[in-house]
Amino acid sequence: MDPSQRNAAVLHERVDKIIETLTQRFVNVLNLAQIEDTDYSTTAHMEAQIAEESAALVRATEDLSTLIRELQELWLFGGLDTLNKPADEEAATKQALEIARMVEQLAKTKNYNKGGERR
């Protein structure tokens, strides 16, 4: 994903566009299905339009699936920072340093042998 596309406004716009497309295509299919003309040419024409709208609905669903996959990758690999605030990050860094200090002290003590058992 392009780094300029990783901000909330662009992602919200993309989600809104996909939702609008899905909704419109579904409504189009329902409207076409309600036509009750029994003429062969009209029926064939409606069938072609329903097939076209259905294909567009599938494409919109694939776009949604792609967006979900990209968001998952961004979230898993750290490119999507939705929950952290600078203060939270600072607190987490302090906590990690404190834990590292405690582990270092534990490793330096002579009360433990290599197997992790107390002497």
N, C-alpha and C. Protein backbone atom coordinates (compact mmCIF):
# COMPACT_ATOMS: atom_id res chain seq x y z
N MET A 1 0.85 -1.18 0.00
CA MET A 1 0.00 0.00 0.00
C MET A 1 0.89 1.23 0.00
N ASP A 2 0.52 2.17 -0.81
CA ASP A 2 1.23 3.44 -0.92
C ASP A 2 1.22 4.15 0.43
N PRO A 3 2.38 4.59 0.94
CA PRO A 3 2.42 5.25 2.25
C PRO A 3 1.48 6.45 2.37
N SER A 4 1.21 7.14 1.27
CA SER A 4 0.30 8.28 1.35
C SER A 4 -1.15 7.84 1.53
N GLN A 5 -1.41 6.55 1.33
CA GLN A 5 -2.77 6.01 1.48
C GLN A 5 -3.01 5.42 2.87
N ARG A 6 -2.07 5.61 3.79
CA ARG A 6 -2.16 4.99 5.11
C ARG A 6 -2.79 5.87 6.18
N ASN A 7 -3.30 7.03 5.83
CA ASN A 7 -3.89 7.87 6.87
C ASN A 7 -5.38 7.58 7.00
N ALA A 8 -5.94 7.97 8.11
CA ALA A 8 -7.33 7.62 8.44
C ALA A 8 -8.32 8.19 7.44
N ALA A 9 -8.10 9.42 6.99
CA ALA A 9 -9.05 10.05 6.07
C ALA A 9 -9.16 9.27 4.76
N VAL A 10 -8.02 8.87 4.22
CA VAL A 10 -8.01 8.14 2.95
C VAL A 10 -8.64 6.76 3.14
N LEU A 11 -8.33 6.09 4.25
CA LEU A 11 -8.91 4.77 4.50
C LEU A 11 -10.42 4.86 4.70
N HIS A 12 -10.88 5.87 5.43
CA HIS A 12 -12.32 6.06 5.60
C HIS A 12 -13.01 6.33 4.26
N GLU A 13 -12.38 7.14 3.44
CA GLU A 13 -12.93 7.45 2.12
C GLU A 13 -13.02 6.18 1.27
N ARG A 14 -12.00 5.36 1.35
CA ARG A 14 -11.99 4.10 0.57
C ARG A 14 -13.08 3.16 1.05
N VAL A 15 -13.25 3.04 2.37
CA VAL A 15 -14.31 2.20 2.92
C VAL A 15 -15.68 2.72 2.50
N ASP A 16 -15.88 4.03 2.60
CA ASP A 16 -17.16 4.63 2.21
C ASP A 16 -17.47 4.37 0.73
N LYS A 17 -16.46 4.49 -0.12
CA LYS A 17 -16.65 4.25 -1.55
C LYS A 17 -17.04 2.80 -1.81
N ILE A 18 -16.39 1.87 -1.14
CA ILE A 18 -16.70 0.45 -1.33
C ILE A 18 -18.11 0.15 -0.84
N ILE A 19 -18.49 0.70 0.31
CA ILE A 19 -19.83 0.48 0.84
C ILE A 19 -20.88 1.05 -0.11
N GLU A 20 -20.62 2.24 -0.62
CA GLU A 20 -21.56 2.86 -1.56
C GLU A 20 -21.72 2.00 -2.82
N THR A 21 -20.61 1.49 -3.33
CA THR A 21 -20.66 0.65 -4.52
C THR A 21 -21.41 -0.64 -4.26
N LEU A 22 -21.11 -1.29 -3.14
CA LEU A 22 -21.81 -2.53 -2.79
C LEU A 22 -23.32 -2.30 -2.68
N THR A 23 -23.69 -1.24 -1.98
CA THR A 23 -25.10 -0.94 -1.78
C THR A 23 -25.79 -0.64 -3.11
N GLN A 24 -25.17 0.19 -3.93
CA GLN A 24 -25.79 0.57 -5.20
C GLN A 24 -25.94 -0.62 -6.13
N ARG A 25 -24.92 -1.45 -6.20
CA ARG A 25 -25.01 -2.63 -7.09
C ARG A 25 -26.08 -3.60 -6.61
N PHE A 26 -26.20 -3.78 -5.30
CA PHE A 26 -27.22 -4.68 -4.76
C PHE A 26 -28.61 -4.13 -5.06
N VAL A 27 -28.81 -2.84 -4.86
CA VAL A 27 -30.10 -2.21 -5.16
C VAL A 27 -30.42 -2.35 -6.66
N ASN A 28 -29.42 -2.18 -7.50
CA ASN A 28 -29.64 -2.33 -8.95
C ASN A 28 -30.11 -3.73 -9.31
N VAL A 29 -29.49 -4.74 -8.70
CA VAL A 29 -29.90 -6.12 -8.96
C VAL A 29 -31.34 -6.34 -8.50
N LEU A 30 -31.67 -5.84 -7.32
CA LEU A 30 -33.04 -6.01 -6.82
C LEU A 30 -34.05 -5.29 -7.71
N ASN A 31 -33.72 -4.09 -8.17
CA ASN A 31 -34.63 -3.35 -9.05
C ASN A 31 -34.83 -4.07 -10.38
N LEU A 32 -33.77 -4.62 -10.91
CA LEU A 32 -33.88 -5.35 -12.18
C LEU A 32 -34.70 -6.63 -12.01
N ALA A 33 -34.60 -7.26 -10.86
CA ALA A 33 -35.33 -8.51 -10.62
C ALA A 33 -36.83 -8.29 -10.47
N GLN A 34 -37.24 -7.07 -10.18
CA GLN A 34 -38.66 -6.79 -9.97
C GLN A 34 -39.42 -6.51 -11.25
N ILE A 35 -38.74 -6.34 -12.36
CA ILE A 35 -39.41 -6.08 -13.64
C ILE A 35 -40.12 -7.35 -14.07
N GLU A 36 -41.40 -7.22 -14.41
CA GLU A 36 -42.21 -8.41 -14.70
C GLU A 36 -42.58 -8.54 -16.17
N ASP A 37 -41.83 -7.94 -17.07
CA ASP A 37 -42.10 -8.11 -18.51
C ASP A 37 -41.76 -9.54 -18.91
N THR A 38 -42.62 -10.15 -19.70
CA THR A 38 -42.38 -11.54 -20.11
C THR A 38 -41.92 -11.63 -21.56
N ASP A 39 -41.66 -10.52 -22.18
CA ASP A 39 -41.16 -10.50 -23.55
C ASP A 39 -39.76 -11.11 -23.56
N TYR A 40 -39.46 -11.94 -24.56
CA TYR A 40 -38.16 -12.62 -24.61
C TYR A 40 -36.99 -11.65 -24.69
N SER A 41 -37.12 -10.63 -25.52
CA SER A 41 -36.01 -9.69 -25.66
C SER A 41 -35.81 -8.89 -24.37
N THR A 42 -36.89 -8.52 -23.71
CA THR A 42 -36.77 -7.79 -22.44
C THR A 42 -36.16 -8.68 -21.37
N THR A 43 -36.59 -9.92 -21.34
CA THR A 43 -36.06 -10.87 -20.36
C THR A 43 -34.56 -11.11 -20.59
N ALA A 44 -34.16 -11.25 -21.84
CA ALA A 44 -32.75 -11.45 -22.17
C ALA A 44 -31.94 -10.21 -21.79
N HIS A 45 -32.50 -9.05 -22.07
CA HIS A 45 -31.83 -7.80 -21.72
C HIS A 45 -31.66 -7.68 -20.21
N MET A 46 -32.71 -7.98 -19.46
CA MET A 46 -32.64 -7.92 -17.99
C MET A 46 -31.65 -8.94 -17.45
N GLU A 47 -31.63 -10.11 -18.05
CA GLU A 47 -30.68 -11.14 -17.61
C GLU A 47 -29.25 -10.65 -17.80
N ALA A 48 -28.97 -10.01 -18.92
CA ALA A 48 -27.63 -9.48 -19.17
C ALA A 48 -27.28 -8.38 -18.17
N GLN A 49 -28.25 -7.51 -17.89
CA GLN A 49 -28.00 -6.43 -16.93
C GLN A 49 -27.78 -6.98 -15.52
N ILE A 50 -28.57 -7.98 -15.14
CA ILE A 50 -28.39 -8.59 -13.82
C ILE A 50 -27.02 -9.26 -13.73
N ALA A 51 -26.60 -9.93 -14.80
CA ALA A 51 -25.26 -10.56 -14.81
C ALA A 51 -24.17 -9.49 -14.67
N GLU A 52 -24.35 -8.36 -15.37
CA GLU A 52 -23.37 -7.28 -15.29
C GLU A 52 -23.32 -6.68 -13.89
N GLU A 53 -24.48 -6.42 -13.30
CA GLU A 53 -24.54 -5.86 -11.95
C GLU A 53 -23.98 -6.85 -10.92
N SER A 54 -24.26 -8.13 -11.13
CA SER A 54 -23.74 -9.16 -10.21
C SER A 54 -22.21 -9.22 -10.27
N ALA A 55 -21.68 -9.12 -11.49
CA ALA A 55 -20.21 -9.12 -11.65
C ALA A 55 -19.61 -7.89 -10.96
N ALA A 56 -20.26 -6.74 -11.09
CA ALA A 56 -19.78 -5.53 -10.43
C ALA A 56 -19.87 -5.67 -8.92
N LEU A 57 -20.91 -6.34 -8.44
CA LEU A 57 -21.06 -6.59 -6.99
C LEU A 57 -19.93 -7.48 -6.49
N VAL A 58 -19.58 -8.49 -7.27
CA VAL A 58 -18.47 -9.38 -6.91
C VAL A 58 -17.15 -8.60 -6.89
N ARG A 59 -16.93 -7.73 -7.89
CA ARG A 59 -15.71 -6.91 -7.91
C ARG A 59 -15.62 -6.00 -6.69
N ALA A 60 -16.74 -5.41 -6.30
CA ALA A 60 -16.75 -4.54 -5.11
C ALA A 60 -16.44 -5.35 -3.86
N THR A 61 -16.96 -6.57 -3.80
CA THR A 61 -16.67 -7.44 -2.66
C THR A 61 -15.20 -7.83 -2.63
N GLU A 62 -14.62 -8.07 -3.79
CA GLU A 62 -13.19 -8.35 -3.87
C GLU A 62 -12.36 -7.15 -3.42
N ASP A 63 -12.81 -5.95 -3.79
CA ASP A 63 -12.13 -4.72 -3.33
C ASP A 63 -12.17 -4.63 -1.81
N LEU A 64 -13.31 -4.96 -1.23
CA LEU A 64 -13.44 -4.95 0.23
C LEU A 64 -12.52 -5.98 0.86
N SER A 65 -12.46 -7.16 0.28
CA SER A 65 -11.57 -8.21 0.78
C SER A 65 -10.10 -7.77 0.70
N THR A 66 -9.74 -7.11 -0.38
CA THR A 66 -8.37 -6.60 -0.54
C THR A 66 -8.06 -5.55 0.51
N LEU A 67 -9.00 -4.65 0.75
CA LEU A 67 -8.81 -3.62 1.77
C LEU A 67 -8.63 -4.25 3.15
N ILE A 68 -9.45 -5.23 3.46
CA ILE A 68 -9.33 -5.92 4.76
C ILE A 68 -7.96 -6.56 4.89
N ARG A 69 -7.50 -7.21 3.84
CA ARG A 69 -6.18 -7.86 3.86
C ARG A 69 -5.07 -6.82 4.07
N GLU A 70 -5.15 -5.69 3.37
CA GLU A 70 -4.14 -4.65 3.52
C GLU A 70 -4.14 -4.07 4.92
N LEU A 71 -5.32 -3.87 5.50
CA LEU A 71 -5.41 -3.35 6.87
C LEU A 71 -4.83 -4.36 7.86
N GLN A 72 -5.09 -5.64 7.65
CA GLN A 72 -4.52 -6.67 8.53
C GLN A 72 -3.00 -6.65 8.46
N GLU A 73 -2.46 -6.56 7.25
CA GLU A 73 -1.00 -6.53 7.10
C GLU A 73 -0.41 -5.29 7.75
N LEU A 74 -1.06 -4.14 7.55
CA LEU A 74 -0.56 -2.91 8.17
C LEU A 74 -0.60 -3.02 9.69
N TRP A 75 -1.66 -3.58 10.20
CA TRP A 75 -1.80 -3.69 11.65
C TRP A 75 -0.77 -4.68 12.21
N LEU A 76 -0.62 -5.83 11.56
CA LEU A 76 0.31 -6.84 12.05
C LEU A 76 1.77 -6.41 11.96
N PHE A 77 2.13 -5.71 10.91
CA PHE A 77 3.52 -5.34 10.70
C PHE A 77 3.84 -3.93 11.16
N GLY A 78 2.92 -3.30 11.87
CA GLY A 78 3.20 -2.03 12.52
C GLY A 78 3.00 -0.79 11.68
N GLY A 79 2.46 -0.90 10.49
CA GLY A 79 2.27 0.28 9.66
C GLY A 79 0.98 1.01 9.95
N LEU A 80 0.09 0.38 10.72
CA LEU A 80 -1.19 1.00 11.04
C LEU A 80 -1.22 1.22 12.54
N ASP A 81 -1.03 2.43 12.94
CA ASP A 81 -0.92 2.77 14.36
C ASP A 81 -2.23 3.39 14.82
N THR A 82 -3.20 2.54 15.15
CA THR A 82 -4.53 3.04 15.49
C THR A 82 -4.74 3.20 16.99
N LEU A 83 -4.02 2.48 17.80
CA LEU A 83 -4.29 2.49 19.23
C LEU A 83 -3.26 3.24 20.06
N ASN A 84 -2.05 3.30 19.59
CA ASN A 84 -0.99 3.90 20.39
C ASN A 84 -0.99 5.42 20.30
N LYS A 85 -0.72 6.00 21.43
CA LYS A 85 -0.50 7.44 21.48
C LYS A 85 0.93 7.63 21.98
N PRO A 86 1.54 8.76 21.74
CA PRO A 86 2.92 8.95 22.18
C PRO A 86 3.11 8.69 23.67
N ALA A 87 2.16 9.07 24.50
CA ALA A 87 2.29 8.84 25.94
C ALA A 87 2.26 7.34 26.25
N ASP A 88 1.39 6.59 25.54
CA ASP A 88 1.32 5.14 25.73
C ASP A 88 2.63 4.48 25.30
N GLU A 89 3.19 4.95 24.21
CA GLU A 89 4.45 4.39 23.72
C GLU A 89 5.58 4.66 24.71
N GLU A 90 5.60 5.85 25.28
CA GLU A 90 6.62 6.20 26.26
C GLU A 90 6.49 5.32 27.50
N ALA A 91 5.27 5.09 27.96
CA ALA A 91 5.05 4.24 29.13
C ALA A 91 5.46 2.80 28.83
N ALA A 92 5.15 2.33 27.62
CA ALA A 92 5.54 0.97 27.25
C ALA A 92 7.06 0.84 27.18
N THR A 93 7.73 1.86 26.68
CA THR A 93 9.19 1.84 26.63
C THR A 93 9.79 1.81 28.02
N LYS A 94 9.24 2.60 28.93
CA LYS A 94 9.73 2.59 30.32
C LYS A 94 9.52 1.23 30.96
N GLN A 95 8.35 0.64 30.72
CA GLN A 95 8.07 -0.67 31.29
C GLN A 95 9.01 -1.73 30.71
N ALA A 96 9.28 -1.67 29.40
CA ALA A 96 10.19 -2.62 28.78
C ALA A 96 11.60 -2.48 29.33
N LEU A 97 12.04 -1.25 29.55
CA LEU A 97 13.37 -1.02 30.13
C LEU A 97 13.45 -1.54 31.56
N GLU A 98 12.39 -1.36 32.32
CA GLU A 98 12.35 -1.87 33.70
C GLU A 98 12.40 -3.40 33.71
N ILE A 99 11.67 -4.03 32.83
CA ILE A 99 11.69 -5.49 32.74
C ILE A 99 13.07 -5.97 32.31
N ALA A 100 13.69 -5.29 31.36
CA ALA A 100 15.03 -5.67 30.92
C ALA A 100 16.03 -5.53 32.07
N ARG A 101 15.89 -4.48 32.87
CA ARG A 101 16.77 -4.29 34.02
C ARG A 101 16.59 -5.42 35.03
N MET A 102 15.34 -5.81 35.28
CA MET A 102 15.08 -6.88 36.24
C MET A 102 15.61 -8.22 35.74
N VAL A 103 15.47 -8.49 34.43
CA VAL A 103 16.00 -9.73 33.87
C VAL A 103 17.52 -9.74 33.95
N GLU A 104 18.15 -8.60 33.71
CA GLU A 104 19.59 -8.50 33.81
C GLU A 104 20.06 -8.76 35.24
N GLN A 105 19.36 -8.21 36.23
CA GLN A 105 19.72 -8.46 37.63
C GLN A 105 19.56 -9.93 37.97
N LEU A 106 18.49 -10.52 37.47
CA LEU A 106 18.25 -11.94 37.74
C LEU A 106 19.36 -12.79 37.13
N ALA A 107 19.81 -12.44 35.94
CA ALA A 107 20.87 -13.19 35.28
C ALA A 107 22.20 -13.05 36.02
N LYS A 108 22.40 -11.92 36.69
CA LYS A 108 23.66 -11.68 37.40
C LYS A 108 23.70 -12.34 38.76
N THR A 109 22.56 -12.65 39.33
CA THR A 109 22.56 -13.26 40.66
C THR A 109 23.13 -14.67 40.60
N LYS A 110 23.70 -15.12 41.68
CA LYS A 110 24.32 -16.44 41.74
C LYS A 110 23.35 -17.48 42.30
N ASN A 111 22.09 -17.12 42.51
CA ASN A 111 21.12 -18.06 43.10
C ASN A 111 20.57 -19.05 42.10
N TYR A 112 20.87 -18.88 40.83
CA TYR A 112 20.32 -19.76 39.81
C TYR A 112 21.43 -20.40 39.02
N ASN A 113 21.28 -21.71 38.73
CA ASN A 113 22.26 -22.38 37.88
C ASN A 113 21.77 -22.34 36.44
N LYS A 114 22.47 -23.00 35.56
CA LYS A 114 22.13 -22.95 34.13
C LYS A 114 20.77 -23.54 33.83
N GLY A 115 20.29 -24.49 34.55
CA GLY A 115 18.99 -25.11 34.30
C GLY A 115 17.83 -24.28 34.79
N GLY A 116 18.09 -23.21 35.48
CA GLY A 116 17.01 -22.37 35.98
C GLY A 116 16.53 -22.77 37.36
N GLU A 117 17.16 -23.80 37.96
CA GLU A 117 16.75 -24.26 39.28
C GLU A 117 17.56 -23.51 40.34
N ARG A 118 16.94 -23.32 41.49
CA ARG A 118 17.67 -22.69 42.61
C ARG A 118 18.70 -23.65 43.16
N ARG A 119 19.81 -23.10 43.54
CA ARG A 119 20.86 -23.93 44.16
C ARG A 119 20.56 -24.16 45.61
